[in-house]
C-alpha atoms as a PDB file:
ATOM      1  CA  MET A   1      -5.802 -40.105  14.330  1.00  0.00           C
ATOM      2  CA  LYS A   2      -4.810 -37.416  16.476  1.00  0.00           C
ATOM      3  CA  ASN A   3      -1.186 -36.741  16.849  1.00  0.00           C
ATOM      4  CA  GLU A   4       0.803 -36.928  20.114  1.00  0.00           C
ATOM      5  CA  ASN A   5       2.044 -33.909  21.780  1.00  0.00           C
ATOM      6  CA  PRO A   6       5.659 -33.051  20.040  1.00  0.00           C
ATOM      7  CA  SER A   7       8.507 -33.772  22.423  1.00  0.00           C
ATOM      8  CA  ASP A   8      10.945 -31.161  23.480  1.00  0.00           C
ATOM      9  CA  THR A   9      13.332 -32.901  20.741  1.00  0.00           C
ATOM     10  CA  GLN A  10      10.868 -32.789  18.097  1.00  0.00           C
ATOM     11  CA  ILE A  11      10.557 -28.601  18.661  1.00  0.00           C
ATOM     12  CA  SER A  12      13.852 -28.125  19.073  1.00  0.00           C
ATOM     13  CA  ASP A  13      14.658 -29.715  15.651  1.00  0.00           C
ATOM     14  CA  LYS A  14      12.093 -27.702  13.786  1.00  0.00           C
ATOM     15  CA  TYR A  15      10.107 -25.183  15.827  1.00  0.00           C
ATOM     16  CA  THR A  16      11.328 -22.866  18.841  1.00  0.00           C
ATOM     17  CA  ARG A  17       9.319 -21.815  22.093  1.00  0.00           C
ATOM     18  CA  GLU A  18       9.156 -18.150  21.989  1.00  0.00           C
ATOM     19  CA  VAL A  19       7.715 -15.659  24.545  1.00  0.00           C
ATOM     20  CA  ILE A  20       4.924 -13.123  23.696  1.00  0.00           C
ATOM     21  CA  THR A  21       6.334  -9.842  24.711  1.00  0.00           C
ATOM     22  CA  GLY A  22       3.350  -7.352  23.959  1.00  0.00           C
ATOM     23  CA  ILE A  23      -0.316  -7.010  22.551  1.00  0.00           C
ATOM     24  CA  ARG A  24      -1.826  -3.989  20.883  1.00  0.00           C
ATOM     25  CA  THR A  25      -5.638  -3.880  20.386  1.00  0.00           C
ATOM     26  CA  TRP A  26      -6.207  -1.894  17.378  1.00  0.00           C
ATOM     27  CA  VAL A  27     -10.017  -2.638  17.028  1.00  0.00           C
ATOM     28  CA  PRO A  28     -11.479  -4.520  19.739  1.00  0.00           C
ATOM     29  CA  GLY A  29     -12.734  -7.702  18.670  1.00  0.00           C
ATOM     30  CA  LYS A  30     -11.386  -7.410  15.431  1.00  0.00           C
ATOM     31  CA  LEU A  31      -7.586  -6.139  14.906  1.00  0.00           C
ATOM     32  CA  PHE A  32      -4.701  -6.529  17.074  1.00  0.00           C
ATOM     33  CA  SER A  33      -0.914  -7.115  16.888  1.00  0.00           C
ATOM     34  CA  PHE A  34       1.787  -8.792  19.257  1.00  0.00           C
ATOM     35  CA  THR A  35       5.087  -9.098  19.716  1.00  0.00           C
ATOM     36  CA  CYS A  36       7.231 -11.984  20.649  1.00  0.00           C
ATOM     37  CA  THR A  37      11.052 -12.818  21.062  1.00  0.00           C
ATOM     38  CA  ARG A  38      12.834 -13.817  18.106  1.00  0.00           C
ATOM     39  CA  PRO A  39      14.533 -17.345  17.661  1.00  0.00           C
ATOM     40  CA  THR A  40      18.065 -17.337  17.922  1.00  0.00           C
ATOM     41  CA  GLY A  41      19.540 -17.586  14.078  1.00  0.00           C
ATOM     42  CA  PHE A  42      16.111 -16.563  12.808  1.00  0.00           C
ATOM     43  CA  ARG A  43      16.704 -14.875   9.477  1.00  0.00           C
ATOM     44  CA  PHE A  44      14.076 -13.625   7.087  1.00  0.00           C
ATOM     45  CA  THR A  45      13.687 -11.322   4.008  1.00  0.00           C
ATOM     46  CA  ALA A  46      11.518  -7.942   4.185  1.00  0.00           C
ATOM     47  CA  GLY A  47       7.799  -9.242   3.007  1.00  0.00           C
ATOM     48  CA  GLN A  48       8.189 -12.910   3.918  1.00  0.00           C
ATOM     49  CA  PHE A  49       6.237 -14.920   6.385  1.00  0.00           C
ATOM     50  CA  ALA A  50       6.641 -17.230   9.532  1.00  0.00           C
ATOM     51  CA  ARG A  51       4.569 -20.341  10.542  1.00  0.00           C
ATOM     52  CA  LEU A  52       3.049 -19.800  14.004  1.00  0.00           C
ATOM     53  CA  GLY A  53       1.983 -22.459  16.483  1.00  0.00           C
ATOM     54  CA  VAL A  54      -0.409 -22.228  19.508  1.00  0.00           C
ATOM     55  CA  ASN A  55      -1.433 -25.119  21.753  1.00  0.00           C
ATOM     56  CA  ASN A  56      -4.718 -26.308  20.940  1.00  0.00           C
ATOM     57  CA  THR A  57      -5.872 -25.992  24.713  1.00  0.00           C
ATOM     58  CA  LEU A  58      -9.546 -25.898  23.802  1.00  0.00           C
ATOM     59  CA  GLN A  59      -9.323 -29.047  21.774  1.00  0.00           C
ATOM     60  CA  LEU A  60     -11.099 -28.203  18.851  1.00  0.00           C
ATOM     61  CA  PRO A  61     -12.225 -30.809  16.538  1.00  0.00           C
ATOM     62  CA  ASN A  62     -10.310 -31.773  13.283  1.00  0.00           C
ATOM     63  CA  GLU A  63      -7.162 -29.681  14.697  1.00  0.00           C
ATOM     64  CA  LEU A  64      -3.777 -31.012  15.686  1.00  0.00           C
ATOM     65  CA  ASP A  65      -2.485 -30.463  19.162  1.00  0.00           C
ATOM     66  CA  ILE A  66      -0.600 -27.619  17.894  1.00  0.00           C
ATOM     67  CA  VAL A  67      -2.484 -25.462  15.368  1.00  0.00           C
ATOM     68  CA  TRP A  68      -0.392 -23.672  12.806  1.00  0.00           C
ATOM     69  CA  ARG A  69      -1.058 -20.732  10.525  1.00  0.00           C
ATOM     70  CA  ALA A  70       1.196 -18.354   8.247  1.00  0.00           C
ATOM     71  CA  TYR A  71       1.746 -14.785   9.455  1.00  0.00           C
ATOM     72  CA  SER A  72       3.697 -12.025   7.701  1.00  0.00           C
ATOM     73  CA  MET A  73       6.504 -10.490   9.678  1.00  0.00           C
ATOM     74  CA  VAL A  74       5.701  -6.825  10.673  1.00  0.00           C
ATOM     75  CA  SER A  75       9.099  -6.135  11.884  1.00  0.00           C
ATOM     76  CA  SER A  76      11.929  -5.589   9.696  1.00  0.00           C
ATOM     77  CA  PRO A  77      14.969  -7.949   9.264  1.00  0.00           C
ATOM     78  CA  TYR A  78      16.839  -5.988  11.715  1.00  0.00           C
ATOM     79  CA  ASP A  79      14.474  -5.806  14.638  1.00  0.00           C
ATOM     80  CA  GLU A  80      15.597  -7.886  17.748  1.00  0.00           C
ATOM     81  CA  HIS A  81      11.779  -9.028  18.246  1.00  0.00           C
ATOM     82  CA  LEU A  82       9.176 -10.290  15.964  1.00  0.00           C
ATOM     83  CA  GLU A  83       5.875  -8.503  14.969  1.00  0.00           C
ATOM     84  CA  PHE A  84       2.684  -9.963  13.532  1.00  0.00           C
ATOM     85  CA  PHE A  85      -0.568  -8.371  12.789  1.00  0.00           C
ATOM     86  CA  SER A  86      -3.836 -10.562  12.953  1.00  0.00           C
ATOM     87  CA  ILE A  87      -7.573 -10.098  12.362  1.00  0.00           C
ATOM     88  CA  VAL A  88      -9.909 -12.003  14.974  1.00  0.00           C
ATOM     89  CA  VAL A  89     -11.500 -14.730  13.038  1.00  0.00           C
ATOM     90  CA  PRO A  90     -14.926 -15.457  14.393  1.00  0.00           C
ATOM     91  CA  ASP A  91     -14.578 -19.474  15.546  1.00  0.00           C
ATOM     92  CA  GLY A  92     -11.275 -19.373  13.818  1.00  0.00           C
ATOM     93  CA  ALA A  93      -9.152 -22.261  15.087  1.00  0.00           C
ATOM     94  CA  PHE A  94      -5.949 -20.117  15.390  1.00  0.00           C
ATOM     95  CA  THR A  95      -6.966 -16.944  16.235  1.00  0.00           C
ATOM     96  CA  THR A  96      -9.251 -18.269  18.815  1.00  0.00           C
ATOM     97  CA  HIS A  97      -6.651 -19.564  21.005  1.00  0.00           C
ATOM     98  CA  LEU A  98      -4.275 -16.860  19.953  1.00  0.00           C
ATOM     99  CA  ASN A  99      -6.448 -13.880  20.951  1.00  0.00           C
ATOM    100  CA  GLN A 100      -6.543 -15.490  24.456  1.00  0.00           C
ATOM    101  CA  LEU A 101      -2.624 -15.123  24.814  1.00  0.00           C
ATOM    102  CA  LYS A 102      -1.170 -12.852  27.346  1.00  0.00           C
ATOM    103  CA  VAL A 103       1.844 -11.384  27.750  1.00  0.00           C
ATOM    104  CA  GLY A 104       4.291 -14.121  28.928  1.00  0.00           C
ATOM    105  CA  ASP A 105       2.745 -17.028  27.201  1.00  0.00           C
ATOM    106  CA  THR A 106       4.074 -19.406  24.702  1.00  0.00           C
ATOM    107  CA  ILE A 107       3.890 -19.074  21.010  1.00  0.00           C
ATOM    108  CA  PHE A 108       5.779 -21.571  18.571  1.00  0.00           C
ATOM    109  CA  VAL A 109       7.941 -20.172  15.501  1.00  0.00           C
ATOM    110  CA  ASP A 110       8.797 -22.477  12.825  1.00  0.00           C
ATOM    111  CA  LYS A 111      12.548 -22.039  12.274  1.00  0.00           C
ATOM    112  CA  THR A 112      12.004 -21.797   8.510  1.00  0.00           C
ATOM    113  CA  ASN A 113      11.092 -18.591   6.953  1.00  0.00           C
ATOM    114  CA  PHE A 114       8.790 -18.631   3.589  1.00  0.00           C
ATOM    115  CA  GLY A 115       7.354 -16.590   0.969  1.00  0.00           C
ATOM    116  CA  PHE A 116       8.276 -14.645  -2.453  1.00  0.00           C
ATOM    117  CA  LEU A 117       6.755 -11.396  -1.634  1.00  0.00           C
ATOM    118  CA  THR A 118      10.063  -9.516  -1.748  1.00  0.00           C
ATOM    119  CA  THR A 119      11.517  -6.803  -3.738  1.00  0.00           C
ATOM    120  CA  ALA A 120      14.135  -9.279  -5.197  1.00  0.00           C
ATOM    121  CA  ARG A 121      11.307 -10.457  -7.320  1.00  0.00           C
ATOM    122  CA  PHE A 122      11.834  -7.295  -9.650  1.00  0.00           C
ATOM    123  CA  GLU A 123      14.919  -6.907 -11.411  1.00  0.00           C
ATOM    124  CA  SER A 124      14.358  -3.322 -12.416  1.00  0.00           C
ATOM    125  CA  GLY A 125      11.651  -0.401 -11.785  1.00  0.00           C
ATOM    126  CA  ASN A 126      11.676   2.932 -10.637  1.00  0.00           C
ATOM    127  CA  ASP A 127       8.232   3.254  -8.774  1.00  0.00           C
ATOM    128  CA  LEU A 128       7.033   0.532  -6.158  1.00  0.00           C
ATOM    129  CA  TRP A 129       3.283   0.332  -5.540  1.00  0.00           C
ATOM    130  CA  LEU A 130       2.299  -1.567  -2.043  1.00  0.00           C
ATOM    131  CA  LEU A 131      -1.324  -2.377  -2.674  1.00  0.00           C
ATOM    132  CA  GLY A 132      -2.708  -3.974   0.497  1.00  0.00           C
ATOM    133  CA  SER A 133      -6.137  -4.400   2.185  1.00  0.00           C
ATOM    134  CA  GLY A 134      -6.637  -5.494   5.795  1.00  0.00           C
ATOM    135  CA  THR A 135      -3.855  -7.402   7.469  1.00  0.00           C
ATOM    136  CA  GLY A 136      -2.243  -7.461   3.998  1.00  0.00           C
ATOM    137  CA  LEU A 137      -0.571  -4.246   5.343  1.00  0.00           C
ATOM    138  CA  ALA A 138       1.806  -6.381   7.451  1.00  0.00           C
ATOM    139  CA  PRO A 139       4.603  -7.324   4.902  1.00  0.00           C
ATOM    140  CA  PHE A 140       4.650  -3.711   3.635  1.00  0.00           C
ATOM    141  CA  ILE A 141       5.439  -2.185   6.931  1.00  0.00           C
ATOM    142  CA  SER A 142       8.545  -4.622   7.039  1.00  0.00           C
ATOM    143  CA  ILE A 143       9.466  -3.688   3.636  1.00  0.00           C
ATOM    144  CA  LEU A 144       9.166  -0.092   4.093  1.00  0.00           C
ATOM    145  CA  HIS A 145      11.698  -0.222   7.127  1.00  0.00           C
ATOM    146  CA  ASP A 146      14.579  -1.900   4.871  1.00  0.00           C
ATOM    147  CA  PRO A 147      16.816   0.411   3.959  1.00  0.00           C
ATOM    148  CA  ALA A 148      17.573  -2.025   0.645  1.00  0.00           C
ATOM    149  CA  THR A 149      13.984  -1.181  -0.291  1.00  0.00           C
ATOM    150  CA  TRP A 150      14.734   2.741  -1.075  1.00  0.00           C
ATOM    151  CA  GLU A 151      18.290   1.800  -2.594  1.00  0.00           C
ATOM    152  CA  GLN A 152      16.197  -0.243  -5.038  1.00  0.00           C
ATOM    153  CA  PHE A 153      13.370   2.274  -6.218  1.00  0.00           C
ATOM    154  CA  GLN A 154      13.103   5.750  -6.373  1.00  0.00           C
ATOM    155  CA  ASN A 155       9.248   6.338  -5.311  1.00  0.00           C
ATOM    156  CA  ILE A 156       7.283   3.988  -2.903  1.00  0.00           C
ATOM    157  CA  ILE A 157       3.529   4.645  -2.728  1.00  0.00           C
ATOM    158  CA  LEU A 158       1.564   2.711   0.090  1.00  0.00           C
ATOM    159  CA  VAL A 159      -1.871   2.021  -0.814  1.00  0.00           C
ATOM    160  CA  HIS A 160      -3.827   0.573   2.416  1.00  0.00           C
ATOM    161  CA  SER A 161      -7.789  -0.351   1.951  1.00  0.00           C
ATOM    162  CA  ALA A 162      -9.800  -0.726   5.120  1.00  0.00           C
ATOM    163  CA  ARG A 163     -13.438  -0.862   5.415  1.00  0.00           C
ATOM    164  CA  THR A 164     -13.749   1.671   8.420  1.00  0.00           C
ATOM    165  CA  ALA A 165     -11.144   4.421   9.515  1.00  0.00           C
ATOM    166  CA  GLU A 166     -10.508   2.758  12.506  1.00  0.00           C
ATOM    167  CA  GLU A 167      -9.186  -0.203  10.683  1.00  0.00           C
ATOM    168  CA  LEU A 168      -6.328   2.121   8.948  1.00  0.00           C
ATOM    169  CA  VAL A 169      -3.965   1.065  11.585  1.00  0.00           C
ATOM    170  CA  TYR A 170      -0.092   1.700  12.196  1.00  0.00           C
ATOM    171  CA  GLN A 171      -0.760   5.106  11.355  1.00  0.00           C
ATOM    172  CA  GLU A 172       2.414   6.441  13.648  1.00  0.00           C
ATOM    173  CA  THR A 173       4.440   3.966  12.172  1.00  0.00           C
ATOM    174  CA  ILE A 174       3.595   5.085   8.473  1.00  0.00           C
ATOM    175  CA  HIS A 175       3.980   8.583   8.962  1.00  0.00           C
ATOM    176  CA  GLY A 176       7.182   7.984  10.959  1.00  0.00           C
ATOM    177  CA  LEU A 177       9.124   6.809   8.225  1.00  0.00           C
ATOM    178  CA  ASN A 178       9.928  10.197   7.009  1.00  0.00           C
ATOM    179  CA  THR A 179      12.219  10.701  10.379  1.00  0.00           C
ATOM    180  CA  HIS A 180      12.925   7.211  10.821  1.00  0.00           C
ATOM    181  CA  PRO A 181      16.716   7.083  12.044  1.00  0.00           C
ATOM    182  CA  MET A 182      17.891   4.094  10.068  1.00  0.00           C
ATOM    183  CA  LEU A 183      16.354   5.213   6.844  1.00  0.00           C
ATOM    184  CA  LEU A 184      17.314   9.021   6.986  1.00  0.00           C
ATOM    185  CA  GLU A 185      21.152   8.276   7.455  1.00  0.00           C
ATOM    186  CA  LEU A 186      20.980   5.786   4.316  1.00  0.00           C
ATOM    187  CA  VAL A 187      18.760   7.200   2.054  1.00  0.00           C
ATOM    188  CA  ASP A 188      18.641  10.745   0.449  1.00  0.00           C
ATOM    189  CA  ASN A 189      15.308  12.880   0.195  1.00  0.00           C
ATOM    190  CA  LEU A 190      13.448  10.004   1.561  1.00  0.00           C
ATOM    191  CA  PRO A 191      10.287  12.375   2.689  1.00  0.00           C
ATOM    192  CA  ASN A 192       9.761  13.369  -1.123  1.00  0.00           C
ATOM    193  CA  ARG A 193      10.070   9.826  -2.089  1.00  0.00           C
ATOM    194  CA  PHE A 194       7.246   8.013  -0.308  1.00  0.00           C
ATOM    195  CA  GLN A 195       3.465   8.745  -0.566  1.00  0.00           C
ATOM    196  CA  TYR A 196       0.810   6.861   1.588  1.00  0.00           C
ATOM    197  CA  ILE A 197      -2.860   6.756   0.158  1.00  0.00           C
ATOM    198  CA  PRO A 198      -5.626   5.460   2.524  1.00  0.00           C
ATOM    199  CA  VAL A 199      -8.442   3.906   1.221  1.00  0.00           C
ATOM    200  CA  VAL A 200     -11.946   3.546   3.199  1.00  0.00           C
ATOM    201  CA  THR A 201     -14.811   1.857   1.498  1.00  0.00           C
ATOM    202  CA  ARG A 202     -17.551   1.535   3.691  1.00  0.00           C
ATOM    203  CA  GLU A 203     -17.754   4.888   4.989  1.00  0.00           C
ATOM    204  CA  VAL A 204     -17.109   8.653   3.716  1.00  0.00           C
ATOM    205  CA  VAL A 205     -13.679   9.888   5.679  1.00  0.00           C
ATOM    206  CA  ALA A 206     -11.987  13.010   4.752  1.00  0.00           C
ATOM    207  CA  GLY A 207      -8.459  12.619   3.295  1.00  0.00           C
ATOM    208  CA  THR A 208      -9.273   8.985   1.838  1.00  0.00           C
ATOM    209  CA  LEU A 209     -10.010   7.613  -1.195  1.00  0.00           C
ATOM    210  CA  GLY A 210     -13.330   5.642  -0.990  1.00  0.00           C
ATOM    211  CA  GLN A 211     -13.700   3.172  -3.951  1.00  0.00           C
ATOM    212  CA  ARG A 212     -11.884  -0.408  -4.156  1.00  0.00           C
ATOM    213  CA  ILE A 213      -8.529  -0.345  -5.464  1.00  0.00           C
ATOM    214  CA  THR A 214      -9.288  -2.047  -8.600  1.00  0.00           C
ATOM    215  CA  SER A 215     -11.360   1.102  -9.555  1.00  0.00           C
ATOM    216  CA  LEU A 216      -8.961   3.414  -8.252  1.00  0.00           C
ATOM    217  CA  LEU A 217      -6.546   1.793 -10.715  1.00  0.00           C
ATOM    218  CA  THR A 218      -8.586   1.923 -13.709  1.00  0.00           C
ATOM    219  CA  ASP A 219     -10.370   5.365 -13.370  1.00  0.00           C
ATOM    220  CA  GLY A 220      -6.903   6.930 -12.651  1.00  0.00           C
ATOM    221  CA  GLN A 221      -7.625   8.244  -9.069  1.00  0.00           C
ATOM    222  CA  LEU A 222      -4.246   6.658  -7.870  1.00  0.00           C
ATOM    223  CA  LEU A 223      -2.525   8.284 -10.690  1.00  0.00           C
ATOM    224  CA  GLU A 224      -3.931  11.687 -10.005  1.00  0.00           C
ATOM    225  CA  LYS A 225      -3.262  11.415  -6.226  1.00  0.00           C
ATOM    226  CA  SER A 226       0.396  10.389  -6.779  1.00  0.00           C
ATOM    227  CA  GLY A 227       1.527  12.531  -9.657  1.00  0.00           C
ATOM    228  CA  LEU A 228       2.899   9.279 -11.081  1.00  0.00           C
ATOM    229  CA  LYS A 229       2.097   7.447 -14.362  1.00  0.00           C
ATOM    230  CA  PHE A 230       1.842   3.544 -14.864  1.00  0.00           C
ATOM    231  CA  SER A 231       4.441   2.049 -17.399  1.00  0.00           C
ATOM    232  CA  GLN A 232       6.046  -1.312 -17.847  1.00  0.00           C
ATOM    233  CA  GLU A 233       9.259   0.388 -17.518  1.00  0.00           C
ATOM    234  CA  ASP A 234       8.865   2.061 -14.108  1.00  0.00           C
ATOM    235  CA  SER A 235       5.857   0.393 -12.326  1.00  0.00           C
ATOM    236  CA  ARG A 236       6.353  -2.558  -9.978  1.00  0.00           C
ATOM    237  CA  PHE A 237       3.436  -3.831  -8.074  1.00  0.00           C
ATOM    238  CA  MET A 238       3.142  -6.103  -4.799  1.00  0.00           C
ATOM    239  CA  ILE A 239      -0.305  -7.055  -3.573  1.00  0.00           C
ATOM    240  CA  CYS A 240      -1.381  -8.659  -0.249  1.00  0.00           C
ATOM    241  CA  GLY A 241      -4.630  -9.014   1.218  1.00  0.00           C
ATOM    242  CA  ASN A 242      -7.849 -11.663   1.148  1.00  0.00           C
ATOM    243  CA  PRO A 243      -7.499 -13.935  -1.876  1.00  0.00           C
ATOM    244  CA  ASP A 244     -10.367 -12.092  -3.833  1.00  0.00           C
ATOM    245  CA  MET A 245      -9.041  -8.963  -3.414  1.00  0.00           C
ATOM    246  CA  VAL A 246      -5.609 -10.210  -4.795  1.00  0.00           C
ATOM    247  CA  THR A 247      -6.733 -11.831  -7.558  1.00  0.00           C
ATOM    248  CA  ASP A 248      -9.100  -8.927  -8.513  1.00  0.00           C
ATOM    249  CA  ILE A 249      -6.151  -6.459  -8.438  1.00  0.00           C
ATOM    250  CA  ARG A 250      -3.827  -9.028 -10.344  1.00  0.00           C
ATOM    251  CA  ASN A 251      -6.391  -9.209 -13.138  1.00  0.00           C
ATOM    252  CA  THR A 252      -6.835  -5.421 -13.464  1.00  0.00           C
ATOM    253  CA  LEU A 253      -3.357  -5.296 -13.742  1.00  0.00           C
ATOM    254  CA  LYS A 254      -3.028  -7.561 -16.414  1.00  0.00           C
ATOM    255  CA  THR A 255      -5.658  -5.993 -18.310  1.00  0.00           C
ATOM    256  CA  MET A 256      -3.311  -2.988 -18.149  1.00  0.00           C
ATOM    257  CA  GLY A 257      -0.416  -4.764 -19.708  1.00  0.00           C
ATOM    258  CA  PHE A 258       1.560  -5.944 -16.719  1.00  0.00           C
ATOM    259  CA  GLY A 259       2.540  -9.427 -16.014  1.00  0.00           C
ATOM    260  CA  PRO A 260       3.934 -11.459 -13.126  1.00  0.00           C
ATOM    261  CA  ALA A 261       7.342 -11.512 -12.172  1.00  0.00           C
ATOM    262  CA  ARG A 262       8.443 -15.073 -11.981  1.00  0.00           C
ATOM    263  CA  ARG A 263      11.745 -16.898 -11.432  1.00  0.00           C
ATOM    264  CA  ASN A 264      13.802 -16.454 -14.513  1.00  0.00           C
ATOM    265  CA  LYS A 265      11.165 -14.325 -16.019  1.00  0.00           C
ATOM    266  CA  PRO A 266      11.326 -10.457 -15.444  1.00  0.00           C
ATOM    267  CA  GLY A 267       7.568  -9.154 -14.499  1.00  0.00           C
ATOM    268  CA  GLU A 268       5.787  -5.922 -12.809  1.00  0.00           C
ATOM    269  CA  ILE A 269       3.493  -8.143 -10.217  1.00  0.00           C
ATOM    270  CA  ALA A 270       4.493  -9.853  -6.924  1.00  0.00           C
ATOM    271  CA  VAL A 271       1.912 -11.395  -4.644  1.00  0.00           C
ATOM    272  CA  GLU A 272       1.974 -14.217  -1.588  1.00  0.00           C
ATOM    273  CA  ASN A 273      -0.160 -16.960  -1.740  1.00  0.00           C
ATOM    274  CA  TYR A 274      -0.158 -18.409   1.908  1.00  0.00           C
ATOM    275  CA  TRP A 275      -3.865 -19.105   2.424  1.00  0.00           C
END
């Protein structure tokens, strides 16, 4: 039975209506980012995700009147807006609607924050490895803009894998970390502590690595590139991307002696499962 449209009272209890304030197309028909107003009182930890809703104006079958999906925040916990990074899924129920929205249109935001891909998962560690593919970059941008991350770890290495060079997005943001005023005011020697390692798997691009992250972990290329070493004492890994990629990297790290960080059980690996 199809749900009735939620009343304003129901929305005010669980969700808020927010306004799209900006849209940026990275790769036409494939990748885009958008910003929206931030709900009053909405709090989150860097690395968490929100549930976003769009009206099912196209009346797609087997979907409710509001179509909901999970999206990691790109924005930092201190930003006045919310930012999200999306892939265009052909015939996808959510992105089909989302891709049609314009600045000034409405999007729904669940009042609750979600997720455990946060640095709080780790009780210790010195080197933080952020391993992501595609839109899995999103939570890492948020984590990198949180001063608490730099206070917790000495070295931070962002590894972002994409199929083509044009999909290596947020370049200006990533390279601007070393001069970000909030970070430089709070963290000493940040330029010497951050490394960005881009990976392109379907074309040869100068200045990038060209194999899957699992191979780069096992054949020593990541260590050679970073100048660091893997150890249970120092190394901590956060993984975000499509489910197969997350599973493959997690299994590879397990064969190297690393284990998941769970509640009340220290570990070296943190992943997000919102698919």
